[in-house]
């Protein structure tokens, strides 16, 4: 019977070791997932900043084009006045 008890202790120790390794592996995977989520959150924030900047640039471009068009009309009208 002693052999069986010793065998049982060995198997229980092995089980405890495997459970610890399993928990460590889960911790590593969980940490990796969290780190990747943080990276994705930073990427999303950067993309939002870029989109905001792009929208502001587009608004500025539209305003400049409107001003240029108005200036071109004024130039044309002044040229017509000089032709008279």
C-alpha atoms as a PDB file:
ATOM      1  CA  UNK A   1       0.000   0.000   0.000  1.00  0.00           C
ATOM      2  CA  UNK A   2       2.894   2.362   0.614  1.00  0.00           C
ATOM      3  CA  UNK A   3       3.763   2.366  -3.067  1.00  0.00           C
ATOM      4  CA  UNK A   4       0.263   3.530  -3.947  1.00  0.00           C
ATOM      5  CA  UNK A   5       0.370   6.358  -1.388  1.00  0.00           C
ATOM      6  CA  UNK A   6       3.751   7.516  -2.696  1.00  0.00           C
ATOM      7  CA  UNK A   7       2.469   7.326  -6.250  1.00  0.00           C
ATOM      8  CA  UNK A   8      -0.580   9.343  -5.251  1.00  0.00           C
ATOM      9  CA  UNK A   9       1.609  12.048  -3.691  1.00  0.00           C
ATOM     10  CA  UNK A  10       3.740  12.204  -6.838  1.00  0.00           C
ATOM     11  CA  UNK A  11       0.653  12.513  -9.026  1.00  0.00           C
ATOM     12  CA  UNK A  12      -0.861  15.186  -6.757  1.00  0.00           C
ATOM     13  CA  UNK A  13       2.398  17.152  -6.888  1.00  0.00           C
ATOM     14  CA  UNK A  14       2.415  16.825 -10.679  1.00  0.00           C
ATOM     15  CA  UNK A  15      -1.202  17.991 -10.815  1.00  0.00           C
ATOM     16  CA  UNK A  16      -0.374  21.021  -8.665  1.00  0.00           C
ATOM     17  CA  UNK A  17       2.584  21.844 -10.912  1.00  0.00           C
ATOM     18  CA  UNK A  18       0.461  21.548 -14.052  1.00  0.00           C
ATOM     19  CA  UNK A  19      -2.282  23.688 -12.522  1.00  0.00           C
ATOM     20  CA  UNK A  20       0.310  26.355 -11.684  1.00  0.00           C
ATOM     21  CA  UNK A  21       1.741  26.231 -15.218  1.00  0.00           C
ATOM     22  CA  UNK A  22      -1.758  26.467 -16.643  1.00  0.00           C
ATOM     23  CA  UNK A  23      -2.576  29.483 -14.468  1.00  0.00           C
ATOM     24  CA  UNK A  24       0.718  31.120 -15.493  1.00  0.00           C
ATOM     25  CA  UNK A  25      -0.074  30.527 -19.164  1.00  0.00           C
ATOM     26  CA  UNK A  26      -3.550  32.033 -18.739  1.00  0.00           C
ATOM     27  CA  UNK A  27      -1.986  35.056 -16.998  1.00  0.00           C
ATOM     28  CA  UNK A  28       0.424  35.515 -19.903  1.00  0.00           C
ATOM     29  CA  UNK A  29      -2.369  35.304 -22.463  1.00  0.00           C
ATOM     30  CA  UNK A  30      -4.598  37.636 -20.440  1.00  0.00           C
ATOM     31  CA  UNK A  31      -1.750  40.147 -20.109  1.00  0.00           C
ATOM     32  CA  UNK A  32      -1.060  39.943 -23.839  1.00  0.00           C
ATOM     33  CA  UNK A  33      -4.716  40.549 -24.640  1.00  0.00           C
ATOM     34  CA  UNK A  34      -4.775  43.566 -22.337  1.00  0.00           C
ATOM     35  CA  UNK A  35      -1.573  44.960 -23.853  1.00  0.00           C
ATOM     36  CA  UNK A  36      -2.909  44.516 -27.373  1.00  0.00           C
ATOM     37  CA  UNK A  37      -6.152  46.247 -26.369  1.00  0.00           C
ATOM     38  CA  UNK A  38      -4.147  49.185 -25.027  1.00  0.00           C
ATOM     39  CA  UNK A  39      -2.262  49.381 -28.328  1.00  0.00           C
ATOM     40  CA  UNK A  40      -5.547  49.268 -30.263  1.00  0.00           C
ATOM     41  CA  UNK A  41      -6.998  52.017 -28.064  1.00  0.00           C
ATOM     42  CA  UNK A  42      -3.955  54.180 -28.810  1.00  0.00           C
ATOM     43  CA  UNK A  43      -4.300  53.440 -32.524  1.00  0.00           C
ATOM     44  CA  UNK A  44      -7.973  54.410 -32.411  1.00  0.00           C
ATOM     45  CA  UNK A  45      -7.132  57.675 -30.643  1.00  0.00           C
ATOM     46  CA  UNK A  46      -4.437  58.443 -33.220  1.00  0.00           C
ATOM     47  CA  UNK A  47      -6.794  57.694 -36.107  1.00  0.00           C
ATOM     48  CA  UNK A  48      -9.411  59.996 -34.550  1.00  0.00           C
ATOM     49  CA  UNK A  49      -6.805  62.750 -34.249  1.00  0.00           C
ATOM     50  CA  UNK A  50      -5.850  62.262 -37.887  1.00  0.00           C
ATOM     51  CA  UNK A  51      -9.505  62.363 -38.959  1.00  0.00           C
ATOM     52  CA  UNK A  52     -10.081  65.563 -36.959  1.00  0.00           C
ATOM     53  CA  UNK A  53      -6.989  67.111 -38.505  1.00  0.00           C
ATOM     54  CA  UNK A  54      -8.057  65.974 -41.985  1.00  0.00           C
ATOM     55  CA  UNK A  55     -11.528  67.476 -41.480  1.00  0.00           C
ATOM     56  CA  UNK A  56     -10.041  70.777 -40.322  1.00  0.00           C
ATOM     57  CA  UNK A  57      -7.691  70.809 -43.286  1.00  0.00           C
ATOM     58  CA  UNK A  58     -10.580  70.098 -45.626  1.00  0.00           C
ATOM     59  CA  UNK A  59     -12.623  72.929 -44.071  1.00  0.00           C
ATOM     60  CA  UNK A  60      -9.677  75.284 -44.492  1.00  0.00           C
ATOM     61  CA  UNK A  61      -9.197  74.151 -48.083  1.00  0.00           C
ATOM     62  CA  UNK A  62     -12.883  74.754 -48.853  1.00  0.00           C
ATOM     63  CA  UNK A  63     -12.694  78.235 -47.329  1.00  0.00           C
ATOM     64  CA  UNK A  64      -9.580  79.032 -49.331  1.00  0.00           C
ATOM     65  CA  UNK A  65     -11.201  77.806 -52.547  1.00  0.00           C
ATOM     66  CA  UNK A  66     -14.277  79.950 -51.851  1.00  0.00           C
ATOM     67  CA  UNK A  67     -12.091  82.978 -51.195  1.00  0.00           C
ATOM     68  CA  UNK A  68     -10.074  82.308 -54.365  1.00  0.00           C
ATOM     69  CA  UNK A  69     -13.279  82.010 -56.399  1.00  0.00           C
ATOM     70  CA  UNK A  70     -14.584  85.285 -54.964  1.00  0.00           C
ATOM     71  CA  UNK A  71     -11.245  86.967 -55.659  1.00  0.00           C
ATOM     72  CA  UNK A  72     -11.306  85.671 -59.242  1.00  0.00           C
ATOM     73  CA  UNK A  73     -14.777  87.156 -59.752  1.00  0.00           C
ATOM     74  CA  UNK A  74     -13.676  90.492 -58.336  1.00  0.00           C
ATOM     75  CA  UNK A  75     -10.577  90.464 -60.561  1.00  0.00           C
ATOM     76  CA  UNK A  76     -12.738  89.686 -63.557  1.00  0.00           C
ATOM     77  CA  UNK A  77     -15.139  92.523 -62.710  1.00  0.00           C
ATOM     78  CA  UNK A  78     -12.291  94.990 -62.243  1.00  0.00           C
ATOM     79  CA  UNK A  79     -10.766  93.937 -65.568  1.00  0.00           C
ATOM     80  CA  UNK A  80     -14.122  94.545 -67.254  1.00  0.00           C
ATOM     81  CA  UNK A  81     -14.239  98.023 -65.731  1.00  0.00           C
ATOM     82  CA  UNK A  82     -10.793  98.798 -67.088  1.00  0.00           C
ATOM     83  CA  UNK A  83     -11.798  97.651 -70.571  1.00  0.00           C
ATOM     84  CA  UNK A  84     -14.479 100.313 -70.831  1.00  0.00           C
END
